[in-house]
Amino acid sequence: MRADSTAVLQVTPPLENVVYRDNFWDADPQGSDDVPAGVTYERNTTIAEPRDLENATRALQAQAGLLRPR
């Protein structure tokens, strides 16, 4: 296992009640090809190129931040 992995789904003890949904990844999480029973992994998008990631998440980034000023 590499130290720079995005996420690891196959761990010991096994993950339980974990949800990865509607995320943007720069690399597929380790184990995403065989997701364990305790993990929900759906509607995630892997985008390897930084420019493509910027374009795909522009609207999300514009809405991110505090709901009200501090």
PDB file of N, CA and C in Angstrom:
ATOM      1  N   MET A   1       0.848  -1.179   0.000  1.00  0.00           N
ATOM      2  CA  MET A   1       0.000   0.000   0.000  1.00  0.00           C
ATOM      3  C   MET A   1       0.890   1.238   0.000  1.00  0.00           C
ATOM      4  N   ARG A   2       0.520   2.221  -0.809  1.00  0.00           N
ATOM      5  CA  ARG A   2       1.285   3.455  -0.897  1.00  0.00           C
ATOM      6  C   ARG A   2       0.794   4.463   0.135  1.00  0.00           C
ATOM      7  N   ALA A   3       1.666   5.319   0.593  1.00  0.00           N
ATOM      8  CA  ALA A   3       1.311   6.335   1.578  1.00  0.00           C
ATOM      9  C   ALA A   3       0.520   7.484   0.968  1.00  0.00           C
ATOM     10  N   ASP A   4       0.574   7.633  -0.357  1.00  0.00           N
ATOM     11  CA  ASP A   4      -0.123   8.748  -0.993  1.00  0.00           C
ATOM     12  C   ASP A   4      -1.446   8.317  -1.630  1.00  0.00           C
ATOM     13  N   SER A   5      -2.014   7.217  -1.192  1.00  0.00           N
ATOM     14  CA  SER A   5      -3.295   6.759  -1.727  1.00  0.00           C
ATOM     15  C   SER A   5      -4.408   7.714  -1.326  1.00  0.00           C
ATOM     16  N   THR A   6      -5.372   7.912  -2.228  1.00  0.00           N
ATOM     17  CA  THR A   6      -6.501   8.789  -1.949  1.00  0.00           C
ATOM     18  C   THR A   6      -7.296   8.281  -0.762  1.00  0.00           C
ATOM     19  N   ALA A   7      -7.657   7.010  -0.802  1.00  0.00           N
ATOM     20  CA  ALA A   7      -8.387   6.354   0.277  1.00  0.00           C
ATOM     21  C   ALA A   7      -8.184   4.856   0.126  1.00  0.00           C
ATOM     22  N   VAL A   8      -8.386   4.144   1.201  1.00  0.00           N
ATOM     23  CA  VAL A   8      -8.246   2.694   1.191  1.00  0.00           C
ATOM     24  C   VAL A   8      -9.534   2.105   1.733  1.00  0.00           C
ATOM     25  N   LEU A   9     -10.193   1.264   0.935  1.00  0.00           N
ATOM     26  CA  LEU A   9     -11.474   0.691   1.339  1.00  0.00           C
ATOM     27  C   LEU A   9     -11.317  -0.681   1.980  1.00  0.00           C
ATOM     28  N   GLN A  10     -10.243  -1.385   1.678  1.00  0.00           N
ATOM     29  CA  GLN A  10     -10.005  -2.722   2.221  1.00  0.00           C
ATOM     30  C   GLN A  10      -9.043  -2.588   3.400  1.00  0.00           C
ATOM     31  N   VAL A  11      -9.575  -2.508   4.604  1.00  0.00           N
ATOM     32  CA  VAL A  11      -8.752  -2.359   5.806  1.00  0.00           C
ATOM     33  C   VAL A  11      -9.156  -3.400   6.847  1.00  0.00           C
ATOM     34  N   THR A  12      -8.330  -3.545   7.876  1.00  0.00           N
ATOM     35  CA  THR A  12      -8.625  -4.449   8.979  1.00  0.00           C
ATOM     36  C   THR A  12      -8.558  -3.650  10.259  1.00  0.00           C
ATOM     37  N   PRO A  13      -9.577  -3.695  11.104  1.00  0.00           N
ATOM     38  CA  PRO A  13     -10.860  -4.377  10.889  1.00  0.00           C
ATOM     39  C   PRO A  13     -11.629  -3.712   9.750  1.00  0.00           C
ATOM     40  N   PRO A  14     -12.587  -4.434   9.161  1.00  0.00           N
ATOM     41  CA  PRO A  14     -13.324  -3.904   8.004  1.00  0.00           C
ATOM     42  C   PRO A  14     -14.126  -2.651   8.342  1.00  0.00           C
ATOM     43  N   LEU A  15     -14.256  -1.777   7.352  1.00  0.00           N
ATOM     44  CA  LEU A  15     -15.095  -0.587   7.513  1.00  0.00           C
ATOM     45  C   LEU A  15     -16.560  -1.009   7.638  1.00  0.00           C
ATOM     46  N   GLU A  16     -17.304  -0.284   8.441  1.00  0.00           N
ATOM     47  CA  GLU A  16     -18.734  -0.535   8.588  1.00  0.00           C
ATOM     48  C   GLU A  16     -19.475   0.793   8.547  1.00  0.00           C
ATOM     49  N   ASN A  17     -20.598   0.815   7.853  1.00  0.00           N
ATOM     50  CA  ASN A  17     -21.448   2.002   7.785  1.00  0.00           C
ATOM     51  C   ASN A  17     -20.697   3.227   7.286  1.00  0.00           C
ATOM     52  N   VAL A  18     -19.903   3.054   6.240  1.00  0.00           N
ATOM     53  CA  VAL A  18     -19.143   4.148   5.644  1.00  0.00           C
ATOM     54  C   VAL A  18     -19.723   4.426   4.259  1.00  0.00           C
ATOM     55  N   VAL A  19     -19.922   5.723   3.953  1.00  0.00           N
ATOM     56  CA  VAL A  19     -20.508   6.104   2.668  1.00  0.00           C
ATOM     57  C   VAL A  19     -19.558   7.046   1.936  1.00  0.00           C
ATOM     58  N   TYR A  20     -19.197   6.668   0.711  1.00  0.00           N
ATOM     59  CA  TYR A  20     -18.485   7.535  -0.219  1.00  0.00           C
ATOM     60  C   TYR A  20     -19.446   7.782  -1.368  1.00  0.00           C
ATOM     61  N   ARG A  21     -20.042   8.969  -1.420  1.00  0.00           N
ATOM     62  CA  ARG A  21     -21.066   9.264  -2.429  1.00  0.00           C
ATOM     63  C   ARG A  21     -20.820  10.665  -2.997  1.00  0.00           C
ATOM     64  N   ASP A  22     -20.873  10.775  -4.327  1.00  0.00           N
ATOM     65  CA  ASP A  22     -20.751  12.063  -5.030  1.00  0.00           C
ATOM     66  C   ASP A  22     -19.431  12.783  -4.750  1.00  0.00           C
ATOM     67  N   ASN A  23     -18.351  12.032  -4.656  1.00  0.00           N
ATOM     68  CA  ASN A  23     -17.032  12.621  -4.435  1.00  0.00           C
ATOM     69  C   ASN A  23     -16.284  12.754  -5.752  1.00  0.00           C
ATOM     70  N   PHE A  24     -15.315  13.664  -5.776  1.00  0.00           N
ATOM     71  CA  PHE A  24     -14.390  13.794  -6.886  1.00  0.00           C
ATOM     72  C   PHE A  24     -13.025  13.332  -6.389  1.00  0.00           C
ATOM     73  N   TRP A  25     -12.405  12.415  -7.135  1.00  0.00           N
ATOM     74  CA  TRP A  25     -11.122  11.840  -6.755  1.00  0.00           C
ATOM     75  C   TRP A  25     -10.096  12.139  -7.844  1.00  0.00           C
ATOM     76  N   ASP A  26      -8.827  12.255  -7.436  1.00  0.00           N
ATOM     77  CA  ASP A  26      -7.753  12.367  -8.425  1.00  0.00           C
ATOM     78  C   ASP A  26      -7.183  10.994  -8.764  1.00  0.00           C
ATOM     79  N   ALA A  27      -7.560   9.986  -8.007  1.00  0.00           N
ATOM     80  CA  ALA A  27      -7.184   8.592  -8.267  1.00  0.00           C
ATOM     81  C   ALA A  27      -8.223   7.710  -7.584  1.00  0.00           C
ATOM     82  N   ASP A  28      -8.492   6.564  -8.171  1.00  0.00           N
ATOM     83  CA  ASP A  28      -9.456   5.649  -7.559  1.00  0.00           C
ATOM     84  C   ASP A  28      -8.945   5.175  -6.210  1.00  0.00           C
ATOM     85  N   PRO A  29      -9.824   5.123  -5.199  1.00  0.00           N
ATOM     86  CA  PRO A  29      -9.407   4.578  -3.905  1.00  0.00           C
ATOM     87  C   PRO A  29      -8.991   3.119  -4.048  1.00  0.00           C
ATOM     88  N   GLN A  30      -8.014   2.706  -3.260  1.00  0.00           N
ATOM     89  CA  GLN A  30      -7.629   1.301  -3.272  1.00  0.00           C
ATOM     90  C   GLN A  30      -8.804   0.476  -2.774  1.00  0.00           C
ATOM     91  N   GLY A  31      -9.176  -0.539  -3.538  1.00  0.00           N
ATOM     92  CA  GLY A  31     -10.286  -1.392  -3.161  1.00  0.00           C
ATOM     93  C   GLY A  31     -11.599  -1.002  -3.806  1.00  0.00           C
ATOM     94  N   SER A  32     -11.616   0.058  -4.628  1.00  0.00           N
ATOM     95  CA  SER A  32     -12.872   0.494  -5.237  1.00  0.00           C
ATOM     96  C   SER A  32     -13.364  -0.484  -6.306  1.00  0.00           C
ATOM     97  N   ASP A  33     -12.499  -1.374  -6.762  1.00  0.00           N
ATOM     98  CA  ASP A  33     -12.915  -2.395  -7.725  1.00  0.00           C
ATOM     99  C   ASP A  33     -13.630  -3.562  -7.046  1.00  0.00           C
ATOM    100  N   ASP A  34     -13.516  -3.669  -5.716  1.00  0.00           N
ATOM    101  CA  ASP A  34     -14.172  -4.728  -4.952  1.00  0.00           C
ATOM    102  C   ASP A  34     -14.566  -4.142  -3.590  1.00  0.00           C
ATOM    103  N   VAL A  35     -15.590  -3.312  -3.584  1.00  0.00           N
ATOM    104  CA  VAL A  35     -15.992  -2.557  -2.393  1.00  0.00           C
ATOM    105  C   VAL A  35     -16.509  -3.515  -1.307  1.00  0.00           C
ATOM    106  N   PRO A  36     -16.027  -3.388  -0.077  1.00  0.00           N
ATOM    107  CA  PRO A  36     -16.471  -4.262   1.006  1.00  0.00           C
ATOM    108  C   PRO A  36     -17.951  -4.063   1.338  1.00  0.00           C
ATOM    109  N   ALA A  37     -18.538  -5.050   1.984  1.00  0.00           N
ATOM    110  CA  ALA A  37     -19.967  -5.035   2.311  1.00  0.00           C
ATOM    111  C   ALA A  37     -20.361  -3.848   3.185  1.00  0.00           C
ATOM    112  N   GLY A  38     -19.505  -3.366   4.061  1.00  0.00           N
ATOM    113  CA  GLY A  38     -19.852  -2.283   4.973  1.00  0.00           C
ATOM    114  C   GLY A  38     -19.694  -0.890   4.388  1.00  0.00           C
ATOM    115  N   VAL A  39     -19.366  -0.812   3.089  1.00  0.00           N
ATOM    116  CA  VAL A  39     -19.098   0.473   2.452  1.00  0.00           C
ATOM    117  C   VAL A  39     -20.074   0.706   1.300  1.00  0.00           C
ATOM    118  N   THR A  40     -20.662   1.907   1.263  1.00  0.00           N
ATOM    119  CA  THR A  40     -21.458   2.339   0.117  1.00  0.00           C
ATOM    120  C   THR A  40     -20.560   3.235  -0.719  1.00  0.00           C
ATOM    121  N   TYR A  41     -20.351   2.860  -1.978  1.00  0.00           N
ATOM    122  CA  TYR A  41     -19.472   3.610  -2.876  1.00  0.00           C
ATOM    123  C   TYR A  41     -20.243   3.833  -4.170  1.00  0.00           C
ATOM    124  N   GLU A  42     -20.801   5.052  -4.341  1.00  0.00           N
ATOM    125  CA  GLU A  42     -21.653   5.298  -5.503  1.00  0.00           C
ATOM    126  C   GLU A  42     -21.539   6.738  -5.993  1.00  0.00           C
ATOM    127  N   ARG A  43     -21.715   6.892  -7.295  1.00  0.00           N
ATOM    128  CA  ARG A  43     -21.730   8.194  -7.987  1.00  0.00           C
ATOM    129  C   ARG A  43     -20.469   9.016  -7.720  1.00  0.00           C
ATOM    130  N   ASN A  44     -19.332   8.348  -7.586  1.00  0.00           N
ATOM    131  CA  ASN A  44     -18.059   9.038  -7.428  1.00  0.00           C
ATOM    132  C   ASN A  44     -17.413   9.216  -8.792  1.00  0.00           C
ATOM    133  N   THR A  45     -16.622  10.265  -8.942  1.00  0.00           N
ATOM    134  CA  THR A  45     -15.992  10.584 -10.216  1.00  0.00           C
ATOM    135  C   THR A  45     -14.488  10.697 -10.031  1.00  0.00           C
ATOM    136  N   THR A  46     -13.735  10.003 -10.871  1.00  0.00           N
ATOM    137  CA  THR A  46     -12.279  10.103 -10.842  1.00  0.00           C
ATOM    138  C   THR A  46     -11.827  10.947 -12.021  1.00  0.00           C
ATOM    139  N   ILE A  47     -11.095  12.014 -11.722  1.00  0.00           N
ATOM    140  CA  ILE A  47     -10.581  12.930 -12.747  1.00  0.00           C
ATOM    141  C   ILE A  47      -9.098  13.123 -12.460  1.00  0.00           C
ATOM    142  N   ALA A  48      -8.258  12.623 -13.343  1.00  0.00           N
ATOM    143  CA  ALA A  48      -6.818  12.634 -13.106  1.00  0.00           C
ATOM    144  C   ALA A  48      -6.144  13.964 -13.453  1.00  0.00           C
ATOM    145  N   GLU A  49      -6.684  14.692 -14.413  1.00  0.00           N
ATOM    146  CA  GLU A  49      -6.048  15.937 -14.849  1.00  0.00           C
ATOM    147  C   GLU A  49      -6.520  17.128 -14.001  1.00  0.00           C
ATOM    148  N   PRO A  50      -5.604  17.894 -13.398  1.00  0.00           N
ATOM    149  CA  PRO A  50      -5.993  19.026 -12.543  1.00  0.00           C
ATOM    150  C   PRO A  50      -6.927  20.024 -13.238  1.00  0.00           C
ATOM    151  N   ARG A  51      -6.684  20.339 -14.499  1.00  0.00           N
ATOM    152  CA  ARG A  51      -7.545  21.301 -15.212  1.00  0.00           C
ATOM    153  C   ARG A  51      -8.968  20.744 -15.343  1.00  0.00           C
ATOM    154  N   ASP A  52      -9.093  19.456 -15.635  1.00  0.00           N
ATOM    155  CA  ASP A  52     -10.412  18.833 -15.753  1.00  0.00           C
ATOM    156  C   ASP A  52     -11.132  18.827 -14.401  1.00  0.00           C
ATOM    157  N   LEU A  53     -10.379  18.607 -13.328  1.00  0.00           N
ATOM    158  CA  LEU A  53     -10.971  18.632 -11.991  1.00  0.00           C
ATOM    159  C   LEU A  53     -11.493  20.027 -11.663  1.00  0.00           C
ATOM    160  N   GLU A  54     -10.710  21.038 -11.996  1.00  0.00           N
ATOM    161  CA  GLU A  54     -11.125  22.433 -11.773  1.00  0.00           C
ATOM    162  C   GLU A  54     -12.423  22.738 -12.509  1.00  0.00           C
ATOM    163  N   ASN A  55     -12.514  22.341 -13.767  1.00  0.00           N
ATOM    164  CA  ASN A  55     -13.722  22.594 -14.561  1.00  0.00           C
ATOM    165  C   ASN A  55     -14.926  21.837 -14.015  1.00  0.00           C
ATOM    166  N   ALA A  56     -14.731  20.599 -13.621  1.00  0.00           N
ATOM    167  CA  ALA A  56     -15.843  19.769 -13.144  1.00  0.00           C
ATOM    168  C   ALA A  56     -16.377  20.229 -11.789  1.00  0.00           C
ATOM    169  N   THR A  57     -15.532  20.863 -10.982  1.00  0.00           N
ATOM    170  CA  THR A  57     -15.942  21.247  -9.627  1.00  0.00           C
ATOM    171  C   THR A  57     -16.109  22.751  -9.450  1.00  0.00           C
ATOM    172  N   ARG A  58     -16.085  23.516 -10.519  1.00  0.00           N
ATOM    173  CA  ARG A  58     -16.164  24.983 -10.426  1.00  0.00           C
ATOM    174  C   ARG A  58     -17.395  25.450  -9.643  1.00  0.00           C
ATOM    175  N   ALA A  59     -18.576  24.935  -9.968  1.00  0.00           N
ATOM    176  CA  ALA A  59     -19.810  25.358  -9.286  1.00  0.00           C
ATOM    177  C   ALA A  59     -19.763  24.968  -7.813  1.00  0.00           C
ATOM    178  N   LEU A  60     -19.271  23.782  -7.520  1.00  0.00           N
ATOM    179  CA  LEU A  60     -19.163  23.326  -6.134  1.00  0.00           C
ATOM    180  C   LEU A  60     -18.214  24.226  -5.344  1.00  0.00           C
ATOM    181  N   GLN A  61     -17.085  24.562  -5.934  1.00  0.00           N
ATOM    182  CA  GLN A  61     -16.117  25.429  -5.265  1.00  0.00           C
ATOM    183  C   GLN A  61     -16.685  26.819  -5.024  1.00  0.00           C
ATOM    184  N   ALA A  62     -17.483  27.328  -5.951  1.00  0.00           N
ATOM    185  CA  ALA A  62     -18.073  28.659  -5.799  1.00  0.00           C
ATOM    186  C   ALA A  62     -19.050  28.701  -4.626  1.00  0.00           C
ATOM    187  N   GLN A  63     -19.678  27.577  -4.333  1.00  0.00           N
ATOM    188  CA  GLN A  63     -20.655  27.520  -3.229  1.00  0.00           C
ATOM    189  C   GLN A  63     -20.013  27.158  -1.900  1.00  0.00           C
ATOM    190  N   ALA A  64     -18.775  26.710  -1.921  1.00  0.00           N
ATOM    191  CA  ALA A  64     -18.104  26.254  -0.696  1.00  0.00           C
ATOM    192  C   ALA A  64     -17.753  27.442   0.205  1.00  0.00           C
ATOM    193  N   GLY A  65     -17.707  27.170   1.465  1.00  0.00           N
ATOM    194  CA  GLY A  65     -17.283  28.196   2.433  1.00  0.00           C
ATOM    195  C   GLY A  65     -18.283  28.314   3.563  1.00  0.00           C
ATOM    196  N   LEU A  66     -18.107  29.327   4.348  1.00  0.00           N
ATOM    197  CA  LEU A  66     -18.975  29.556   5.501  1.00  0.00           C
ATOM    198  C   LEU A  66     -20.361  29.978   5.055  1.00  0.00           C
ATOM    199  N   LEU A  67     -21.375  29.551   5.778  1.00  0.00           N
ATOM    200  CA  LEU A  67     -22.741  29.959   5.472  1.00  0.00           C
ATOM    201  C   LEU A  67     -22.968  31.428   5.817  1.00  0.00           C
ATOM    202  N   ARG A  68     -22.265  31.908   6.839  1.00  0.00           N
ATOM    203  CA  ARG A  68     -22.368  33.309   7.230  1.00  0.00           C
ATOM    204  C   ARG A  68     -20.987  33.777   7.725  1.00  0.00           C
ATOM    205  N   PRO A  69     -20.691  35.042   7.581  1.00  0.00           N
ATOM    206  CA  PRO A  69     -19.368  35.542   7.980  1.00  0.00           C
ATOM    207  C   PRO A  69     -19.142  35.359   9.482  1.00  0.00           C
ATOM    208  N   ARG A  70     -17.902  35.228   9.844  1.00  0.00           N
ATOM    209  CA  ARG A  70     -17.549  35.123  11.288  1.00  0.00           C
ATOM    210  C   ARG A  70     -17.515  36.475  11.910  1.00  0.00           C
TER     211      ARG A  70
END
